[in-house]
Amino acid sequence: MYVKRHDGLAKITRQKLAEAAELIDDKSPYYKYTPASVLENENFELSWNRSILTDKTTPFNRPDITFMNKKTKNTFLVDIAVPNTHNLAKAITDKQNKYQELANEICAMWKQKAAQVIPIVISSTGVIP
């Protein structure tokens, strides 16, 4: 059940990002949306559940969503968690700490101005921090 809730939330988030960046035209309902591995245009690149190869080995290199703004040279690593209600704060700090090293590597390798870790955490009962 955890994976189903997690993937459902990730698909909705990715679909909204793709629509906002004009990477998709089809505005199908969220429950019918099937994400492609990579969507790209001249301004943005949006990856879904892909490993990021780095020069330096990083223990965590597969965020749920990687969103890159090519013009401003900003990258966002979005990772989603659906924990129990009492674990919300811990899940946020864990996600931020987990992917910070990858964000630093991305800035250096891809010559980005900034790479930011965005944890999206909603409890299994719908509580948000």
N, C-alpha and C. Protein backbone atom coordinates (compact mmCIF):
# COMPACT_ATOMS: atom_id res chain seq x y z
N MET A 1 0.82 -1.21 0.00
CA MET A 1 0.00 0.00 0.00
C MET A 1 0.86 1.26 0.00
N TYR A 2 2.03 1.20 0.71
CA TYR A 2 2.89 2.38 0.75
C TYR A 2 3.33 2.78 -0.65
N VAL A 3 3.77 1.82 -1.44
CA VAL A 3 4.27 2.12 -2.79
C VAL A 3 3.16 2.69 -3.65
N LYS A 4 1.95 2.18 -3.51
CA LYS A 4 0.82 2.68 -4.29
C LYS A 4 0.51 4.14 -3.94
N ARG A 5 0.50 4.46 -2.64
CA ARG A 5 0.26 5.85 -2.21
C ARG A 5 1.40 6.75 -2.68
N HIS A 6 2.63 6.29 -2.51
CA HIS A 6 3.81 7.06 -2.90
C HIS A 6 3.78 7.36 -4.39
N ASP A 7 3.59 6.33 -5.22
CA ASP A 7 3.61 6.51 -6.67
C ASP A 7 2.44 7.36 -7.15
N GLY A 8 1.30 7.24 -6.50
CA GLY A 8 0.15 8.08 -6.86
C GLY A 8 0.44 9.55 -6.63
N LEU A 9 1.01 9.87 -5.48
CA LEU A 9 1.37 11.26 -5.17
C LEU A 9 2.47 11.76 -6.10
N ALA A 10 3.44 10.91 -6.39
CA ALA A 10 4.55 11.30 -7.28
C ALA A 10 4.04 11.56 -8.70
N LYS A 11 3.13 10.74 -9.19
CA LYS A 11 2.59 10.94 -10.54
C LYS A 11 1.81 12.24 -10.65
N ILE A 12 1.03 12.56 -9.63
CA ILE A 12 0.27 13.82 -9.64
C ILE A 12 1.23 15.01 -9.65
N THR A 13 2.23 14.96 -8.80
CA THR A 13 3.22 16.04 -8.72
C THR A 13 3.93 16.21 -10.04
N ARG A 14 4.35 15.11 -10.63
CA ARG A 14 5.08 15.17 -11.90
C ARG A 14 4.19 15.69 -13.03
N GLN A 15 2.95 15.26 -13.06
CA GLN A 15 2.03 15.73 -14.10
C GLN A 15 1.84 17.24 -14.00
N LYS A 16 1.68 17.77 -12.80
CA LYS A 16 1.49 19.21 -12.62
C LYS A 16 2.74 19.99 -13.01
N LEU A 17 3.92 19.46 -12.69
CA LEU A 17 5.16 20.10 -13.11
C LEU A 17 5.29 20.11 -14.63
N ALA A 18 4.95 18.99 -15.27
CA ALA A 18 5.04 18.89 -16.72
C ALA A 18 4.06 19.85 -17.40
N GLU A 19 2.87 19.99 -16.86
CA GLU A 19 1.89 20.94 -17.42
C GLU A 19 2.38 22.37 -17.25
N ALA A 20 2.91 22.71 -16.08
CA ALA A 20 3.37 24.08 -15.82
C ALA A 20 4.55 24.44 -16.73
N ALA A 21 5.41 23.48 -17.04
CA ALA A 21 6.58 23.73 -17.88
C ALA A 21 6.26 23.53 -19.36
N GLU A 22 5.00 23.27 -19.68
CA GLU A 22 4.54 23.04 -21.05
C GLU A 22 5.30 21.90 -21.73
N LEU A 23 5.51 20.83 -20.96
CA LEU A 23 6.17 19.64 -21.48
C LEU A 23 5.15 18.62 -21.99
N ILE A 24 3.90 18.77 -21.57
CA ILE A 24 2.82 17.91 -22.07
C ILE A 24 1.63 18.78 -22.43
N ASP A 25 0.90 18.33 -23.43
CA ASP A 25 -0.31 19.04 -23.85
C ASP A 25 -1.56 18.34 -23.32
N ASP A 26 -1.48 17.03 -23.21
CA ASP A 26 -2.61 16.22 -22.79
C ASP A 26 -2.91 16.47 -21.32
N LYS A 27 -4.10 16.95 -21.03
CA LYS A 27 -4.50 17.21 -19.65
C LYS A 27 -5.43 16.08 -19.18
N SER A 28 -4.94 14.86 -19.25
CA SER A 28 -5.75 13.72 -18.84
C SER A 28 -5.90 13.72 -17.31
N PRO A 29 -6.92 13.05 -16.79
CA PRO A 29 -7.07 12.96 -15.33
C PRO A 29 -5.86 12.28 -14.71
N TYR A 30 -5.55 12.66 -13.48
CA TYR A 30 -4.34 12.16 -12.82
C TYR A 30 -4.31 10.63 -12.74
N TYR A 31 -5.45 10.00 -12.60
CA TYR A 31 -5.46 8.55 -12.45
C TYR A 31 -5.22 7.83 -13.77
N LYS A 32 -5.27 8.54 -14.89
CA LYS A 32 -4.97 7.94 -16.19
C LYS A 32 -3.58 8.31 -16.69
N TYR A 33 -2.91 9.21 -16.00
CA TYR A 33 -1.61 9.71 -16.44
C TYR A 33 -0.52 8.66 -16.22
N THR A 34 0.26 8.40 -17.26
CA THR A 34 1.41 7.51 -17.17
C THR A 34 2.65 8.32 -17.53
N PRO A 35 3.54 8.54 -16.57
CA PRO A 35 4.68 9.40 -16.84
C PRO A 35 5.73 8.75 -17.73
N ALA A 36 6.26 9.53 -18.66
CA ALA A 36 7.39 9.10 -19.46
C ALA A 36 8.65 9.26 -18.61
N SER A 37 9.69 8.55 -18.94
CA SER A 37 10.92 8.60 -18.16
C SER A 37 11.54 10.00 -18.17
N VAL A 38 11.57 10.62 -19.35
CA VAL A 38 12.15 11.96 -19.49
C VAL A 38 11.28 12.79 -20.41
N LEU A 39 11.01 14.03 -20.00
CA LEU A 39 10.35 15.02 -20.85
C LEU A 39 11.28 16.21 -20.95
N GLU A 40 11.38 16.78 -22.16
CA GLU A 40 12.34 17.86 -22.34
C GLU A 40 11.89 18.81 -23.43
N ASN A 41 12.16 20.10 -23.23
CA ASN A 41 12.02 21.10 -24.27
C ASN A 41 13.21 22.05 -24.15
N GLU A 42 13.19 23.18 -24.84
CA GLU A 42 14.35 24.08 -24.83
C GLU A 42 14.57 24.75 -23.47
N ASN A 43 13.54 24.79 -22.62
CA ASN A 43 13.66 25.47 -21.33
C ASN A 43 13.78 24.55 -20.12
N PHE A 44 13.19 23.36 -20.20
CA PHE A 44 13.10 22.49 -19.03
C PHE A 44 13.42 21.04 -19.37
N GLU A 45 13.85 20.31 -18.35
CA GLU A 45 13.99 18.86 -18.45
C GLU A 45 13.39 18.27 -17.18
N LEU A 46 12.55 17.26 -17.33
CA LEU A 46 11.86 16.64 -16.22
C LEU A 46 12.07 15.13 -16.30
N SER A 47 12.71 14.57 -15.28
CA SER A 47 13.00 13.13 -15.25
C SER A 47 12.19 12.48 -14.14
N TRP A 48 11.82 11.24 -14.38
CA TRP A 48 11.00 10.48 -13.45
C TRP A 48 11.77 9.24 -13.03
N ASN A 49 12.12 9.14 -11.75
CA ASN A 49 12.67 7.93 -11.17
C ASN A 49 13.90 7.41 -11.93
N ARG A 50 14.85 8.32 -12.20
CA ARG A 50 16.07 7.95 -12.93
C ARG A 50 17.30 8.17 -12.07
N SER A 51 18.23 7.26 -12.17
CA SER A 51 19.50 7.41 -11.47
C SER A 51 20.31 8.52 -12.12
N ILE A 52 21.02 9.27 -11.31
CA ILE A 52 21.89 10.34 -11.80
C ILE A 52 23.33 9.89 -11.58
N LEU A 53 24.06 9.76 -12.66
CA LEU A 53 25.46 9.35 -12.57
C LEU A 53 26.32 10.56 -12.23
N THR A 54 27.17 10.41 -11.24
CA THR A 54 28.03 11.50 -10.80
C THR A 54 29.49 11.06 -10.84
N ASP A 55 30.38 12.05 -10.87
CA ASP A 55 31.82 11.77 -10.86
C ASP A 55 32.22 11.12 -9.54
N LYS A 56 31.68 11.63 -8.47
CA LYS A 56 31.95 11.11 -7.14
C LYS A 56 30.79 10.19 -6.75
N THR A 57 31.10 9.04 -6.22
CA THR A 57 30.04 8.10 -5.82
C THR A 57 29.19 8.71 -4.70
N THR A 58 27.89 8.75 -4.93
CA THR A 58 26.96 9.23 -3.91
C THR A 58 26.02 8.08 -3.56
N PRO A 59 25.76 7.89 -2.27
CA PRO A 59 24.94 6.74 -1.87
C PRO A 59 23.49 6.85 -2.32
N PHE A 60 22.98 8.06 -2.48
CA PHE A 60 21.59 8.25 -2.89
C PHE A 60 21.59 9.08 -4.16
N ASN A 61 21.27 8.46 -5.28
CA ASN A 61 21.35 9.16 -6.57
C ASN A 61 20.11 8.95 -7.43
N ARG A 62 18.99 8.59 -6.80
CA ARG A 62 17.78 8.33 -7.57
C ARG A 62 16.56 9.02 -6.93
N PRO A 63 16.46 10.34 -7.09
CA PRO A 63 15.28 11.03 -6.55
C PRO A 63 14.04 10.66 -7.38
N ASP A 64 12.88 10.86 -6.80
CA ASP A 64 11.64 10.54 -7.51
C ASP A 64 11.50 11.40 -8.77
N ILE A 65 11.77 12.70 -8.65
CA ILE A 65 11.61 13.63 -9.76
C ILE A 65 12.82 14.56 -9.80
N THR A 66 13.37 14.75 -10.99
CA THR A 66 14.44 15.73 -11.19
C THR A 66 13.92 16.75 -12.19
N PHE A 67 13.89 18.01 -11.79
CA PHE A 67 13.35 19.08 -12.61
C PHE A 67 14.42 20.13 -12.81
N MET A 68 14.84 20.35 -14.07
CA MET A 68 15.90 21.30 -14.37
C MET A 68 15.37 22.44 -15.23
N ASN A 69 15.63 23.66 -14.78
CA ASN A 69 15.33 24.85 -15.57
C ASN A 69 16.63 25.21 -16.29
N LYS A 70 16.66 25.01 -17.60
CA LYS A 70 17.87 25.21 -18.37
C LYS A 70 18.27 26.68 -18.48
N LYS A 71 17.31 27.57 -18.49
CA LYS A 71 17.61 28.99 -18.65
C LYS A 71 18.21 29.59 -17.38
N THR A 72 17.59 29.30 -16.24
CA THR A 72 18.09 29.86 -14.98
C THR A 72 19.17 29.00 -14.35
N LYS A 73 19.39 27.80 -14.89
CA LYS A 73 20.38 26.85 -14.37
C LYS A 73 20.11 26.49 -12.91
N ASN A 74 18.85 26.15 -12.65
CA ASN A 74 18.44 25.67 -11.34
C ASN A 74 17.89 24.26 -11.49
N THR A 75 18.24 23.39 -10.56
CA THR A 75 17.75 22.02 -10.57
C THR A 75 17.06 21.75 -9.24
N PHE A 76 15.95 21.03 -9.32
CA PHE A 76 15.18 20.67 -8.14
C PHE A 76 15.09 19.15 -8.06
N LEU A 77 15.51 18.60 -6.94
CA LEU A 77 15.41 17.17 -6.69
C LEU A 77 14.20 16.97 -5.77
N VAL A 78 13.16 16.41 -6.32
CA VAL A 78 11.92 16.23 -5.57
C VAL A 78 11.84 14.78 -5.13
N ASP A 79 11.70 14.58 -3.84
CA ASP A 79 11.53 13.22 -3.33
C ASP A 79 10.31 13.20 -2.42
N ILE A 80 9.56 12.14 -2.53
CA ILE A 80 8.26 12.06 -1.89
C ILE A 80 8.26 10.98 -0.82
N ALA A 81 7.59 11.27 0.28
CA ALA A 81 7.43 10.28 1.35
C ALA A 81 5.99 10.32 1.84
N VAL A 82 5.50 9.16 2.21
CA VAL A 82 4.15 9.03 2.76
C VAL A 82 4.27 8.24 4.07
N PRO A 83 4.81 8.88 5.12
CA PRO A 83 5.03 8.18 6.39
C PRO A 83 3.79 8.20 7.27
N ASN A 84 3.91 7.55 8.43
CA ASN A 84 2.87 7.68 9.44
C ASN A 84 2.91 9.10 10.00
N THR A 85 1.82 9.53 10.59
CA THR A 85 1.68 10.91 11.05
C THR A 85 2.79 11.33 12.02
N HIS A 86 3.19 10.45 12.91
CA HIS A 86 4.18 10.83 13.92
C HIS A 86 5.61 10.91 13.35
N ASN A 87 5.83 10.54 12.10
CA ASN A 87 7.16 10.57 11.49
C ASN A 87 7.34 11.70 10.47
N LEU A 88 6.46 12.67 10.41
CA LEU A 88 6.52 13.71 9.39
C LEU A 88 7.81 14.53 9.45
N ALA A 89 8.15 15.06 10.60
CA ALA A 89 9.33 15.92 10.71
C ALA A 89 10.60 15.13 10.40
N LYS A 90 10.67 13.91 10.88
CA LYS A 90 11.85 13.07 10.62
C LYS A 90 11.98 12.77 9.13
N ALA A 91 10.87 12.52 8.46
CA ALA A 91 10.91 12.22 7.02
C ALA A 91 11.44 13.40 6.22
N ILE A 92 11.07 14.61 6.60
CA ILE A 92 11.54 15.81 5.89
C ILE A 92 13.04 15.96 6.03
N THR A 93 13.54 15.90 7.25
CA THR A 93 14.99 16.07 7.45
C THR A 93 15.77 14.92 6.83
N ASP A 94 15.24 13.71 6.88
CA ASP A 94 15.91 12.56 6.25
C ASP A 94 16.04 12.77 4.74
N LYS A 95 14.99 13.22 4.09
CA LYS A 95 15.03 13.45 2.64
C LYS A 95 16.02 14.55 2.29
N GLN A 96 16.02 15.63 3.05
CA GLN A 96 16.95 16.73 2.77
C GLN A 96 18.40 16.29 2.94
N ASN A 97 18.68 15.59 4.02
CA ASN A 97 20.04 15.12 4.28
C ASN A 97 20.47 14.06 3.27
N LYS A 98 19.56 13.21 2.89
CA LYS A 98 19.84 12.10 1.98
C LYS A 98 20.32 12.59 0.61
N TYR A 99 19.71 13.64 0.09
CA TYR A 99 19.99 14.09 -1.28
C TYR A 99 20.87 15.34 -1.36
N GLN A 100 21.34 15.87 -0.24
CA GLN A 100 22.15 17.09 -0.29
C GLN A 100 23.47 16.86 -1.01
N GLU A 101 24.10 15.73 -0.79
CA GLU A 101 25.36 15.42 -1.47
C GLU A 101 25.15 15.34 -2.99
N LEU A 102 24.06 14.74 -3.41
CA LEU A 102 23.74 14.67 -4.84
C LEU A 102 23.50 16.07 -5.40
N ALA A 103 22.84 16.92 -4.65
CA ALA A 103 22.60 18.30 -5.11
C ALA A 103 23.92 19.03 -5.31
N ASN A 104 24.85 18.84 -4.41
CA ASN A 104 26.16 19.48 -4.54
C ASN A 104 26.90 18.97 -5.78
N GLU A 105 26.83 17.68 -6.02
CA GLU A 105 27.48 17.09 -7.20
C GLU A 105 26.85 17.61 -8.49
N ILE A 106 25.54 17.74 -8.51
CA ILE A 106 24.84 18.24 -9.70
C ILE A 106 25.28 19.67 -10.02
N CYS A 107 25.41 20.50 -9.00
CA CYS A 107 25.87 21.88 -9.23
C CYS A 107 27.24 21.88 -9.90
N ALA A 108 28.12 21.04 -9.44
CA ALA A 108 29.48 21.00 -9.98
C ALA A 108 29.51 20.39 -11.39
N MET A 109 28.83 19.28 -11.58
CA MET A 109 28.91 18.55 -12.85
C MET A 109 28.14 19.24 -13.96
N TRP A 110 26.92 19.67 -13.68
CA TRP A 110 26.05 20.23 -14.70
C TRP A 110 26.17 21.75 -14.78
N LYS A 111 27.08 22.33 -13.99
CA LYS A 111 27.31 23.78 -13.96
C LYS A 111 26.00 24.54 -13.69
N GLN A 112 25.33 24.11 -12.64
CA GLN A 112 24.08 24.74 -12.22
C GLN A 112 24.37 25.83 -11.19
N LYS A 113 23.54 26.87 -11.18
CA LYS A 113 23.67 27.91 -10.16
C LYS A 113 23.25 27.36 -8.80
N ALA A 114 22.20 26.52 -8.81
CA ALA A 114 21.71 25.95 -7.56
C ALA A 114 21.03 24.62 -7.84
N ALA A 115 21.12 23.74 -6.87
CA ALA A 115 20.37 22.48 -6.89
C ALA A 115 19.73 22.36 -5.52
N GLN A 116 18.43 22.25 -5.51
CA GLN A 116 17.69 22.28 -4.26
C GLN A 116 16.94 20.97 -4.07
N VAL A 117 16.95 20.47 -2.84
CA VAL A 117 16.21 19.26 -2.48
C VAL A 117 14.84 19.69 -1.98
N ILE A 118 13.79 19.17 -2.60
CA ILE A 118 12.41 19.50 -2.23
C ILE A 118 11.74 18.22 -1.74
N PRO A 119 11.61 18.05 -0.43
CA PRO A 119 10.87 16.88 0.07
C PRO A 119 9.36 17.19 0.10
N ILE A 120 8.58 16.28 -0.45
CA ILE A 120 7.12 16.40 -0.35
C ILE A 120 6.68 15.28 0.57
N VAL A 121 6.15 15.67 1.72
CA VAL A 121 5.80 14.70 2.75
C VAL A 121 4.35 14.91 3.15
N ILE A 122 3.55 13.87 2.95
CA ILE A 122 2.15 13.87 3.34
C ILE A 122 1.89 12.53 4.04
N SER A 123 1.36 12.58 5.22
CA SER A 123 1.16 11.33 5.97
C SER A 123 0.12 10.45 5.28
N SER A 124 0.13 9.20 5.67
CA SER A 124 -0.80 8.24 5.08
C SER A 124 -2.25 8.58 5.41
N THR A 125 -2.46 9.45 6.39
CA THR A 125 -3.83 9.89 6.74
C THR A 125 -4.14 11.28 6.19
N GLY A 126 -3.20 11.86 5.43
CA GLY A 126 -3.44 13.15 4.80
C GLY A 126 -2.92 14.34 5.57
N VAL A 127 -2.24 14.13 6.69
CA VAL A 127 -1.68 15.23 7.48
C VAL A 127 -0.43 15.75 6.79
N ILE A 128 -0.28 17.09 6.74
CA ILE A 128 0.92 17.68 6.18
C ILE A 128 1.64 18.48 7.27
N PRO A 129 2.94 18.61 7.16
CA PRO A 129 3.67 19.35 8.21
C PRO A 129 3.39 20.85 8.12
